[in-house]
Amino acid sequence: MIQQGVHYGIHFIIPLVVALIFFKSTWKMAYLIMISTMLIDLDHLFANPIFDANRCSINFHPLHSYFAIVLYVLLLLPKSTRIIGLGLMIHILADSMDCLFM
């Protein structure tokens, strides 16, 4: 129960806080973009089983691989992709927390 609270709290609350602090005039759009980065979880559809509460997603799923994470960090550099990079890195942070509970 705590694990789920931490996981989904990071997924939804941290992007909101980041949007409100750093993107004040466009916070709604920034929040929507960061939340939309949860689409990287579509790679779970290729796993068997699709969902396993006792599995660490980091470096298991293709869009959660170390290689992909490096690309997400690089998205933080250009201003035009920074919000997407932030959303993806927050997503990876949330999924990393699951690994700590194992």
PDB file of N, CA and C in Angstrom:
ATOM      1  N   MET A   1       0.821  -1.195   0.000  1.00  0.00           N
ATOM      2  CA  MET A   1       0.000   0.000   0.000  1.00  0.00           C
ATOM      3  C   MET A   1       0.869   1.265   0.000  1.00  0.00           C
ATOM      4  N   ILE A   2       1.910   1.276   0.841  1.00  0.00           N
ATOM      5  CA  ILE A   2       2.817   2.420   0.876  1.00  0.00           C
ATOM      6  C   ILE A   2       3.535   2.546  -0.457  1.00  0.00           C
ATOM      7  N   GLN A   3       3.963   1.411  -1.007  1.00  0.00           N
ATOM      8  CA  GLN A   3       4.660   1.406  -2.289  1.00  0.00           C
ATOM      9  C   GLN A   3       3.806   2.055  -3.373  1.00  0.00           C
ATOM     10  N   GLN A   4       2.535   1.705  -3.430  1.00  0.00           N
ATOM     11  CA  GLN A   4       1.644   2.277  -4.444  1.00  0.00           C
ATOM     12  C   GLN A   4       1.450   3.775  -4.227  1.00  0.00           C
ATOM     13  N   GLY A   5       1.335   4.175  -2.968  1.00  0.00           N
ATOM     14  CA  GLY A   5       1.180   5.598  -2.657  1.00  0.00           C
ATOM     15  C   GLY A   5       2.385   6.404  -3.099  1.00  0.00           C
ATOM     16  N   VAL A   6       3.578   5.885  -2.812  1.00  0.00           N
ATOM     17  CA  VAL A   6       4.808   6.559  -3.231  1.00  0.00           C
ATOM     18  C   VAL A   6       4.879   6.599  -4.756  1.00  0.00           C
ATOM     19  N   HIS A   7       4.636   5.458  -5.387  1.00  0.00           N
ATOM     20  CA  HIS A   7       4.731   5.346  -6.841  1.00  0.00           C
ATOM     21  C   HIS A   7       3.791   6.330  -7.543  1.00  0.00           C
ATOM     22  N   TYR A   8       2.526   6.272  -7.217  1.00  0.00           N
ATOM     23  CA  TYR A   8       1.557   7.135  -7.899  1.00  0.00           C
ATOM     24  C   TYR A   8       1.637   8.581  -7.431  1.00  0.00           C
ATOM     25  N   GLY A   9       2.100   8.801  -6.213  1.00  0.00           N
ATOM     26  CA  GLY A   9       2.340  10.160  -5.745  1.00  0.00           C
ATOM     27  C   GLY A   9       3.409  10.842  -6.582  1.00  0.00           C
ATOM     28  N   ILE A  10       4.497  10.110  -6.848  1.00  0.00           N
ATOM     29  CA  ILE A  10       5.563  10.664  -7.682  1.00  0.00           C
ATOM     30  C   ILE A  10       5.047  10.879  -9.103  1.00  0.00           C
ATOM     31  N   HIS A  11       4.283   9.928  -9.617  1.00  0.00           N
ATOM     32  CA  HIS A  11       3.766  10.038 -10.989  1.00  0.00           C
ATOM     33  C   HIS A  11       2.864  11.256 -11.187  1.00  0.00           C
ATOM     34  N   PHE A  12       2.044  11.593 -10.198  1.00  0.00           N
ATOM     35  CA  PHE A  12       1.051  12.646 -10.390  1.00  0.00           C
ATOM     36  C   PHE A  12       1.334  13.938  -9.619  1.00  0.00           C
ATOM     37  N   ILE A  13       1.875  13.842  -8.416  1.00  0.00           N
ATOM     38  CA  ILE A  13       2.071  15.034  -7.592  1.00  0.00           C
ATOM     39  C   ILE A  13       3.353  15.778  -7.952  1.00  0.00           C
ATOM     40  N   ILE A  14       4.444  15.053  -8.144  1.00  0.00           N
ATOM     41  CA  ILE A  14       5.720  15.713  -8.471  1.00  0.00           C
ATOM     42  C   ILE A  14       5.623  16.494  -9.792  1.00  0.00           C
ATOM     43  N   PRO A  15       5.044  15.924 -10.863  1.00  0.00           N
ATOM     44  CA  PRO A  15       4.903  16.740 -12.076  1.00  0.00           C
ATOM     45  C   PRO A  15       4.067  18.005 -11.850  1.00  0.00           C
ATOM     46  N   LEU A  16       3.052  17.904 -11.013  1.00  0.00           N
ATOM     47  CA  LEU A  16       2.229  19.079 -10.716  1.00  0.00           C
ATOM     48  C   LEU A  16       3.049  20.146 -10.002  1.00  0.00           C
ATOM     49  N   VAL A  17       3.822  19.738  -9.011  1.00  0.00           N
ATOM     50  CA  VAL A  17       4.664  20.683  -8.271  1.00  0.00           C
ATOM     51  C   VAL A  17       5.696  21.316  -9.205  1.00  0.00           C
ATOM     52  N   VAL A  18       6.346  20.492 -10.030  1.00  0.00           N
ATOM     53  CA  VAL A  18       7.333  21.011 -10.985  1.00  0.00           C
ATOM     54  C   VAL A  18       6.673  22.002 -11.939  1.00  0.00           C
ATOM     55  N   ALA A  19       5.495  21.659 -12.443  1.00  0.00           N
ATOM     56  CA  ALA A  19       4.781  22.549 -13.374  1.00  0.00           C
ATOM     57  C   ALA A  19       4.424  23.870 -12.701  1.00  0.00           C
ATOM     58  N   LEU A  20       3.934  23.799 -11.482  1.00  0.00           N
ATOM     59  CA  LEU A  20       3.524  25.019 -10.783  1.00  0.00           C
ATOM     60  C   LEU A  20       4.704  25.924 -10.441  1.00  0.00           C
ATOM     61  N   ILE A  21       5.845  25.333 -10.127  1.00  0.00           N
ATOM     62  CA  ILE A  21       7.009  26.135  -9.731  1.00  0.00           C
ATOM     63  C   ILE A  21       7.774  26.678 -10.935  1.00  0.00           C
ATOM     64  N   PHE A  22       8.033  25.811 -11.916  1.00  0.00           N
ATOM     65  CA  PHE A  22       8.934  26.191 -13.006  1.00  0.00           C
ATOM     66  C   PHE A  22       8.236  26.643 -14.293  1.00  0.00           C
ATOM     67  N   PHE A  23       6.962  26.343 -14.418  1.00  0.00           N
ATOM     68  CA  PHE A  23       6.233  26.710 -15.636  1.00  0.00           C
ATOM     69  C   PHE A  23       4.942  27.438 -15.251  1.00  0.00           C
ATOM     70  N   LYS A  24       5.072  28.478 -14.442  1.00  0.00           N
ATOM     71  CA  LYS A  24       3.919  29.169 -13.858  1.00  0.00           C
ATOM     72  C   LYS A  24       2.875  29.611 -14.877  1.00  0.00           C
ATOM     73  N   SER A  25       3.309  30.212 -15.958  1.00  0.00           N
ATOM     74  CA  SER A  25       2.335  30.745 -16.912  1.00  0.00           C
ATOM     75  C   SER A  25       1.707  29.651 -17.786  1.00  0.00           C
ATOM     76  N   THR A  26       2.375  28.533 -17.921  1.00  0.00           N
ATOM     77  CA  THR A  26       1.865  27.436 -18.767  1.00  0.00           C
ATOM     78  C   THR A  26       1.803  26.138 -17.978  1.00  0.00           C
ATOM     79  N   TRP A  27       1.514  26.231 -16.690  1.00  0.00           N
ATOM     80  CA  TRP A  27       1.601  25.059 -15.838  1.00  0.00           C
ATOM     81  C   TRP A  27       0.650  23.939 -16.255  1.00  0.00           C
ATOM     82  N   LYS A  28      -0.535  24.287 -16.750  1.00  0.00           N
ATOM     83  CA  LYS A  28      -1.488  23.239 -17.148  1.00  0.00           C
ATOM     84  C   LYS A  28      -0.954  22.419 -18.316  1.00  0.00           C
ATOM     85  N   MET A  29      -0.399  23.096 -19.312  1.00  0.00           N
ATOM     86  CA  MET A  29       0.163  22.398 -20.467  1.00  0.00           C
ATOM     87  C   MET A  29       1.396  21.594 -20.056  1.00  0.00           C
ATOM     88  N   ALA A  30       2.249  22.182 -19.213  1.00  0.00           N
ATOM     89  CA  ALA A  30       3.447  21.472 -18.750  1.00  0.00           C
ATOM     90  C   ALA A  30       3.055  20.210 -17.982  1.00  0.00           C
ATOM     91  N   TYR A  31       2.057  20.326 -17.118  1.00  0.00           N
ATOM     92  CA  TYR A  31       1.588  19.170 -16.351  1.00  0.00           C
ATOM     93  C   TYR A  31       1.028  18.098 -17.282  1.00  0.00           C
ATOM     94  N   LEU A  32       0.229  18.494 -18.243  1.00  0.00           N
ATOM     95  CA  LEU A  32      -0.352  17.544 -19.197  1.00  0.00           C
ATOM     96  C   LEU A  32       0.741  16.814 -19.988  1.00  0.00           C
ATOM     97  N   ILE A  33       1.748  17.545 -20.420  1.00  0.00           N
ATOM     98  CA  ILE A  33       2.852  16.918 -21.162  1.00  0.00           C
ATOM     99  C   ILE A  33       3.594  15.931 -20.266  1.00  0.00           C
ATOM    100  N   MET A  34       3.888  16.339 -19.040  1.00  0.00           N
ATOM    101  CA  MET A  34       4.620  15.437 -18.138  1.00  0.00           C
ATOM    102  C   MET A  34       3.805  14.196 -17.807  1.00  0.00           C
ATOM    103  N   ILE A  35       2.506  14.345 -17.618  1.00  0.00           N
ATOM    104  CA  ILE A  35       1.651  13.189 -17.338  1.00  0.00           C
ATOM    105  C   ILE A  35       1.581  12.273 -18.563  1.00  0.00           C
ATOM    106  N   SER A  36       1.604  12.857 -19.737  1.00  0.00           N
ATOM    107  CA  SER A  36       1.517  12.045 -20.961  1.00  0.00           C
ATOM    108  C   SER A  36       2.748  11.170 -21.166  1.00  0.00           C
ATOM    109  N   THR A  37       3.833  11.484 -20.490  1.00  0.00           N
ATOM    110  CA  THR A  37       5.021  10.634 -20.630  1.00  0.00           C
ATOM    111  C   THR A  37       4.818   9.253 -20.004  1.00  0.00           C
ATOM    112  N   MET A  38       3.712   9.073 -19.318  1.00  0.00           N
ATOM    113  CA  MET A  38       3.404   7.733 -18.793  1.00  0.00           C
ATOM    114  C   MET A  38       3.127   6.742 -19.918  1.00  0.00           C
ATOM    115  N   LEU A  39       3.013   7.248 -21.121  1.00  0.00           N
ATOM    116  CA  LEU A  39       2.822   6.365 -22.271  1.00  0.00           C
ATOM    117  C   LEU A  39       4.004   5.424 -22.474  1.00  0.00           C
ATOM    118  N   ILE A  40       5.149   5.726 -21.853  1.00  0.00           N
ATOM    119  CA  ILE A  40       6.266   4.779 -21.984  1.00  0.00           C
ATOM    120  C   ILE A  40       5.945   3.457 -21.306  1.00  0.00           C
ATOM    121  N   ASP A  41       4.906   3.439 -20.491  1.00  0.00           N
ATOM    122  CA  ASP A  41       4.492   2.176 -19.870  1.00  0.00           C
ATOM    123  C   ASP A  41       3.847   1.217 -20.867  1.00  0.00           C
ATOM    124  N   LEU A  42       3.631   1.664 -22.093  1.00  0.00           N
ATOM    125  CA  LEU A  42       3.104   0.753 -23.112  1.00  0.00           C
ATOM    126  C   LEU A  42       4.059  -0.410 -23.367  1.00  0.00           C
ATOM    127  N   ASP A  43       5.342  -0.227 -23.024  1.00  0.00           N
ATOM    128  CA  ASP A  43       6.284  -1.327 -23.213  1.00  0.00           C
ATOM    129  C   ASP A  43       6.002  -2.496 -22.269  1.00  0.00           C
ATOM    130  N   HIS A  44       5.190  -2.273 -21.272  1.00  0.00           N
ATOM    131  CA  HIS A  44       4.788  -3.360 -20.375  1.00  0.00           C
ATOM    132  C   HIS A  44       3.953  -4.397 -21.123  1.00  0.00           C
ATOM    133  N   LEU A  45       3.325  -3.983 -22.205  1.00  0.00           N
ATOM    134  CA  LEU A  45       2.493  -4.907 -22.986  1.00  0.00           C
ATOM    135  C   LEU A  45       3.311  -6.035 -23.611  1.00  0.00           C
ATOM    136  N   PHE A  46       4.610  -5.836 -23.722  1.00  0.00           N
ATOM    137  CA  PHE A  46       5.475  -6.862 -24.302  1.00  0.00           C
ATOM    138  C   PHE A  46       6.006  -7.847 -23.271  1.00  0.00           C
ATOM    139  N   ALA A  47       5.709  -7.607 -21.995  1.00  0.00           N
ATOM    140  CA  ALA A  47       6.202  -8.477 -20.925  1.00  0.00           C
ATOM    141  C   ALA A  47       5.184  -9.572 -20.625  1.00  0.00           C
ATOM    142  N   ASN A  48       5.673 -10.638 -20.052  1.00  0.00           N
ATOM    143  CA  ASN A  48       4.807 -11.732 -19.632  1.00  0.00           C
ATOM    144  C   ASN A  48       5.171 -12.107 -18.202  1.00  0.00           C
ATOM    145  N   PRO A  49       4.303 -11.833 -17.244  1.00  0.00           N
ATOM    146  CA  PRO A  49       2.990 -11.202 -17.351  1.00  0.00           C
ATOM    147  C   PRO A  49       3.132  -9.698 -17.599  1.00  0.00           C
ATOM    148  N   ILE A  50       2.069  -9.095 -18.084  1.00  0.00           N
ATOM    149  CA  ILE A  50       2.084  -7.659 -18.385  1.00  0.00           C
ATOM    150  C   ILE A  50       2.402  -6.859 -17.128  1.00  0.00           C
ATOM    151  N   PHE A  51       1.795  -7.222 -16.005  1.00  0.00           N
ATOM    152  CA  PHE A  51       2.053  -6.534 -14.737  1.00  0.00           C
ATOM    153  C   PHE A  51       2.515  -7.538 -13.706  1.00  0.00           C
ATOM    154  N   ASP A  52       3.578  -7.204 -13.019  1.00  0.00           N
ATOM    155  CA  ASP A  52       4.081  -8.016 -11.912  1.00  0.00           C
ATOM    156  C   ASP A  52       4.504  -7.045 -10.819  1.00  0.00           C
ATOM    157  N   ALA A  53       3.780  -7.062  -9.720  1.00  0.00           N
ATOM    158  CA  ALA A  53       4.044  -6.119  -8.629  1.00  0.00           C
ATOM    159  C   ALA A  53       5.445  -6.307  -8.045  1.00  0.00           C
ATOM    160  N   ASN A  54       6.022  -7.474  -8.217  1.00  0.00           N
ATOM    161  CA  ASN A  54       7.346  -7.757  -7.659  1.00  0.00           C
ATOM    162  C   ASN A  54       8.462  -7.641  -8.696  1.00  0.00           C
ATOM    163  N   ARG A  55       8.212  -6.913  -9.779  1.00  0.00           N
ATOM    164  CA  ARG A  55       9.224  -6.750 -10.828  1.00  0.00           C
ATOM    165  C   ARG A  55       9.695  -5.300 -10.852  1.00  0.00           C
ATOM    166  N   CYS A  56      10.993  -5.138 -10.971  1.00  0.00           N
ATOM    167  CA  CYS A  56      11.575  -3.810 -11.133  1.00  0.00           C
ATOM    168  C   CYS A  56      11.568  -3.485 -12.616  1.00  0.00           C
ATOM    169  N   SER A  57      10.873  -2.422 -12.997  1.00  0.00           N
ATOM    170  CA  SER A  57      10.754  -2.047 -14.402  1.00  0.00           C
ATOM    171  C   SER A  57      12.066  -1.543 -14.998  1.00  0.00           C
ATOM    172  N   ILE A  58      12.922  -0.982 -14.148  1.00  0.00           N
ATOM    173  CA  ILE A  58      14.154  -0.380 -14.632  1.00  0.00           C
ATOM    174  C   ILE A  58      15.063  -1.443 -15.229  1.00  0.00           C
ATOM    175  N   ASN A  59      15.417  -1.243 -16.464  1.00  0.00           N
ATOM    176  CA  ASN A  59      16.240  -2.127 -17.283  1.00  0.00           C
ATOM    177  C   ASN A  59      15.589  -3.479 -17.557  1.00  0.00           C
ATOM    178  N   PHE A  60      14.282  -3.584 -17.338  1.00  0.00           N
ATOM    179  CA  PHE A  60      13.549  -4.790 -17.711  1.00  0.00           C
ATOM    180  C   PHE A  60      12.773  -4.535 -19.000  1.00  0.00           C
ATOM    181  N   HIS A  61      12.056  -3.428 -19.035  1.00  0.00           N
ATOM    182  CA  HIS A  61      11.276  -3.055 -20.212  1.00  0.00           C
ATOM    183  C   HIS A  61      12.129  -2.176 -21.129  1.00  0.00           C
ATOM    184  N   PRO A  62      11.926  -2.256 -22.442  1.00  0.00           N
ATOM    185  CA  PRO A  62      12.773  -1.491 -23.373  1.00  0.00           C
ATOM    186  C   PRO A  62      12.770   0.019 -23.141  1.00  0.00           C
ATOM    187  N   LEU A  63      11.614   0.599 -22.871  1.00  0.00           N
ATOM    188  CA  LEU A  63      11.556   2.046 -22.659  1.00  0.00           C
ATOM    189  C   LEU A  63      11.953   2.454 -21.243  1.00  0.00           C
ATOM    190  N   HIS A  64      12.338   1.467 -20.434  1.00  0.00           N
ATOM    191  CA  HIS A  64      12.846   1.709 -19.083  1.00  0.00           C
ATOM    192  C   HIS A  64      14.302   1.242 -18.975  1.00  0.00           C
ATOM    193  N   SER A  65      14.939   1.005 -20.105  1.00  0.00           N
ATOM    194  CA  SER A  65      16.323   0.510 -20.126  1.00  0.00           C
ATOM    195  C   SER A  65      17.292   1.644 -19.798  1.00  0.00           C
ATOM    196  N   TYR A  66      18.508   1.264 -19.440  1.00  0.00           N
ATOM    197  CA  TYR A  66      19.532   2.273 -19.147  1.00  0.00           C
ATOM    198  C   TYR A  66      19.811   3.126 -20.384  1.00  0.00           C
ATOM    199  N   PHE A  67      19.801   2.506 -21.549  1.00  0.00           N
ATOM    200  CA  PHE A  67      20.019   3.246 -22.794  1.00  0.00           C
ATOM    201  C   PHE A  67      18.923   4.302 -22.979  1.00  0.00           C
ATOM    202  N   ALA A  68      17.670   3.904 -22.771  1.00  0.00           N
ATOM    203  CA  ALA A  68      16.556   4.846 -22.907  1.00  0.00           C
ATOM    204  C   ALA A  68      16.674   5.972 -21.877  1.00  0.00           C
ATOM    205  N   ILE A  69      17.095   5.635 -20.669  1.00  0.00           N
ATOM    206  CA  ILE A  69      17.230   6.647 -19.615  1.00  0.00           C
ATOM    207  C   ILE A  69      18.266   7.692 -20.003  1.00  0.00           C
ATOM    208  N   VAL A  70      19.355   7.255 -20.635  1.00  0.00           N
ATOM    209  CA  VAL A  70      20.363   8.214 -21.110  1.00  0.00           C
ATOM    210  C   VAL A  70      19.731   9.164 -22.131  1.00  0.00           C
ATOM    211  N   LEU A  71      18.910   8.636 -23.017  1.00  0.00           N
ATOM    212  CA  LEU A  71      18.230   9.487 -24.001  1.00  0.00           C
ATOM    213  C   LEU A  71      17.286  10.474 -23.311  1.00  0.00           C
ATOM    214  N   TYR A  72      16.603  10.017 -22.249  1.00  0.00           N
ATOM    215  CA  TYR A  72      15.690  10.902 -21.518  1.00  0.00           C
ATOM    216  C   TYR A  72      16.463  12.043 -20.846  1.00  0.00           C
ATOM    217  N   VAL A  73      17.646  11.732 -20.321  1.00  0.00           N
ATOM    218  CA  VAL A  73      18.481  12.778 -19.720  1.00  0.00           C
ATOM    219  C   VAL A  73      18.883  13.798 -20.787  1.00  0.00           C
ATOM    220  N   LEU A  74      19.224  13.308 -21.972  1.00  0.00           N
ATOM    221  CA  LEU A  74      19.610  14.218 -23.063  1.00  0.00           C
ATOM    222  C   LEU A  74      18.452  15.123 -23.480  1.00  0.00           C
ATOM    223  N   LEU A  75      17.216  14.663 -23.308  1.00  0.00           N
ATOM    224  CA  LEU A  75      16.054  15.499 -23.624  1.00  0.00           C
ATOM    225  C   LEU A  75      15.939  16.700 -22.686  1.00  0.00           C
ATOM    226  N   LEU A  76      16.612  16.640 -21.552  1.00  0.00           N
ATOM    227  CA  LEU A  76      16.584  17.755 -20.609  1.00  0.00           C
ATOM    228  C   LEU A  76      17.398  18.952 -21.112  1.00  0.00           C
ATOM    229  N   LEU A  77      18.326  18.714 -22.021  1.00  0.00           N
ATOM    230  CA  LEU A  77      19.246  19.772 -22.445  1.00  0.00           C
ATOM    231  C   LEU A  77      18.602  20.833 -23.341  1.00  0.00           C
ATOM    232  N   PRO A  78      17.974  20.463 -24.463  1.00  0.00           N
ATOM    233  CA  PRO A  78      17.341  21.528 -25.268  1.00  0.00           C
ATOM    234  C   PRO A  78      16.067  22.045 -24.595  1.00  0.00           C
ATOM    235  N   LYS A  79      15.883  23.325 -24.628  1.00  0.00           N
ATOM    236  CA  LYS A  79      14.702  23.918 -24.010  1.00  0.00           C
ATOM    237  C   LYS A  79      13.408  23.376 -24.627  1.00  0.00           C
ATOM    238  N   SER A  80      13.451  23.067 -25.924  1.00  0.00           N
ATOM    239  CA  SER A  80      12.245  22.611 -26.626  1.00  0.00           C
ATOM    240  C   SER A  80      11.767  21.220 -26.186  1.00  0.00           C
ATOM    241  N   THR A  81      12.641  20.421 -25.581  1.00  0.00           N
ATOM    242  CA  THR A  81      12.245  19.071 -25.136  1.00  0.00           C
ATOM    243  C   THR A  81      12.355  18.899 -23.624  1.00  0.00           C
ATOM    244  N   ARG A  82      12.634  19.962 -22.923  1.00  0.00           N
ATOM    245  CA  ARG A  82      12.895  19.878 -21.485  1.00  0.00           C
ATOM    246  C   ARG A  82      11.696  19.352 -20.689  1.00  0.00           C
ATOM    247  N   ILE A  83      10.493  19.783 -21.014  1.00  0.00           N
ATOM    248  CA  ILE A  83       9.315  19.326 -20.268  1.00  0.00           C
ATOM    249  C   ILE A  83       9.116  17.826 -20.479  1.00  0.00           C
ATOM    250  N   ILE A  84       9.318  17.359 -21.681  1.00  0.00           N
ATOM    251  CA  ILE A  84       9.203  15.920 -21.957  1.00  0.00           C
ATOM    252  C   ILE A  84      10.273  15.160 -21.176  1.00  0.00           C
ATOM    253  N   GLY A  85      11.499  15.670 -21.212  1.00  0.00           N
ATOM    254  CA  GLY A  85      12.583  15.037 -20.458  1.00  0.00           C
ATOM    255  C   GLY A  85      12.293  15.002 -18.968  1.00  0.00           C
ATOM    256  N   LEU A  86      11.745  16.088 -18.429  1.00  0.00           N
ATOM    257  CA  LEU A  86      11.383  16.113 -17.008  1.00  0.00           C
ATOM    258  C   LEU A  86      10.322  15.058 -16.691  1.00  0.00           C
ATOM    259  N   GLY A  87       9.306  14.992 -17.531  1.00  0.00           N
ATOM    260  CA  GLY A  87       8.256  14.001 -17.315  1.00  0.00           C
ATOM    261  C   GLY A  87       8.791  12.586 -17.351  1.00  0.00           C
ATOM    262  N   LEU A  88       9.664  12.309 -18.318  1.00  0.00           N
ATOM    263  CA  LEU A  88      10.232  10.970 -18.428  1.00  0.00           C
ATOM    264  C   LEU A  88      11.127  10.637 -17.238  1.00  0.00           C
ATOM    265  N   MET A  89      11.922  11.606 -16.793  1.00  0.00           N
ATOM    266  CA  MET A  89      12.801  11.349 -15.654  1.00  0.00           C
ATOM    267  C   MET A  89      12.005  11.201 -14.355  1.00  0.00           C
ATOM    268  N   ILE A  90      10.932  11.938 -14.207  1.00  0.00           N
ATOM    269  CA  ILE A  90      10.062  11.763 -13.032  1.00  0.00           C
ATOM    270  C   ILE A  90       9.426  10.376 -13.079  1.00  0.00           C
ATOM    271  N   HIS A  91       9.036   9.944 -14.267  1.00  0.00           N
ATOM    272  CA  HIS A  91       8.466   8.606 -14.440  1.00  0.00           C
ATOM    273  C   HIS A  91       9.483   7.532 -14.035  1.00  0.00           C
ATOM    274  N   ILE A  92      10.720   7.691 -14.492  1.00  0.00           N
ATOM    275  CA  ILE A  92      11.770   6.731 -14.146  1.00  0.00           C
ATOM    276  C   ILE A  92      12.033   6.755 -12.644  1.00  0.00           C
ATOM    277  N   LEU A  93      11.999   7.938 -12.035  1.00  0.00           N
ATOM    278  CA  LEU A  93      12.164   8.045 -10.576  1.00  0.00           C
ATOM    279  C   LEU A  93      11.061   7.270  -9.863  1.00  0.00           C
ATOM    280  N   ALA A  94       9.832   7.441 -10.311  1.00  0.00           N
ATOM    281  CA  ALA A  94       8.706   6.721  -9.691  1.00  0.00           C
ATOM    282  C   ALA A  94       8.892   5.216  -9.818  1.00  0.00           C
ATOM    283  N   ASP A  95       9.288   4.750 -10.991  1.00  0.00           N
ATOM    284  CA  ASP A  95       9.485   3.323 -11.194  1.00  0.00           C
ATOM    285  C   ASP A  95      10.690   2.812 -10.416  1.00  0.00           C
ATOM    286  N   SER A  96      11.697   3.659 -10.210  1.00  0.00           N
ATOM    287  CA  SER A  96      12.859   3.267  -9.416  1.00  0.00           C
ATOM    288  C   SER A  96      12.471   3.032  -7.963  1.00  0.00           C
ATOM    289  N   MET A  97      11.500   3.782  -7.479  1.00  0.00           N
ATOM    290  CA  MET A  97      11.055   3.595  -6.096  1.00  0.00           C
ATOM    291  C   MET A  97      10.493   2.196  -5.890  1.00  0.00           C
ATOM    292  N   ASP A  98       9.843   1.648  -6.911  1.00  0.00           N
ATOM    293  CA  ASP A  98       9.333   0.278  -6.806  1.00  0.00           C
ATOM    294  C   ASP A  98      10.467  -0.704  -6.556  1.00  0.00           C
ATOM    295  N   CYS A  99      11.605  -0.447  -7.171  1.00  0.00           N
ATOM    296  CA  CYS A  99      12.755  -1.350  -7.010  1.00  0.00           C
ATOM    297  C   CYS A  99      13.265  -1.339  -5.573  1.00  0.00           C
ATOM    298  N   LEU A 100      13.117  -0.216  -4.890  1.00  0.00           N
ATOM    299  CA  LEU A 100      13.571  -0.122  -3.497  1.00  0.00           C
ATOM    300  C   LEU A 100      12.708  -0.940  -2.546  1.00  0.00           C
ATOM    301  N   PHE A 101      11.448  -1.151  -2.908  1.00  0.00           N
ATOM    302  CA  PHE A 101      10.522  -1.877  -2.041  1.00  0.00           C
ATOM    303  C   PHE A 101      10.659  -3.393  -2.197  1.00  0.00           C
ATOM    304  N   MET A 102      11.500  -3.829  -3.104  1.00  0.00           N
ATOM    305  CA  MET A 102      11.631  -5.275  -3.344  1.00  0.00           C
ATOM    306  C   MET A 102      12.546  -5.921  -2.344  1.00  0.00           C
TER     307      MET A 102
END
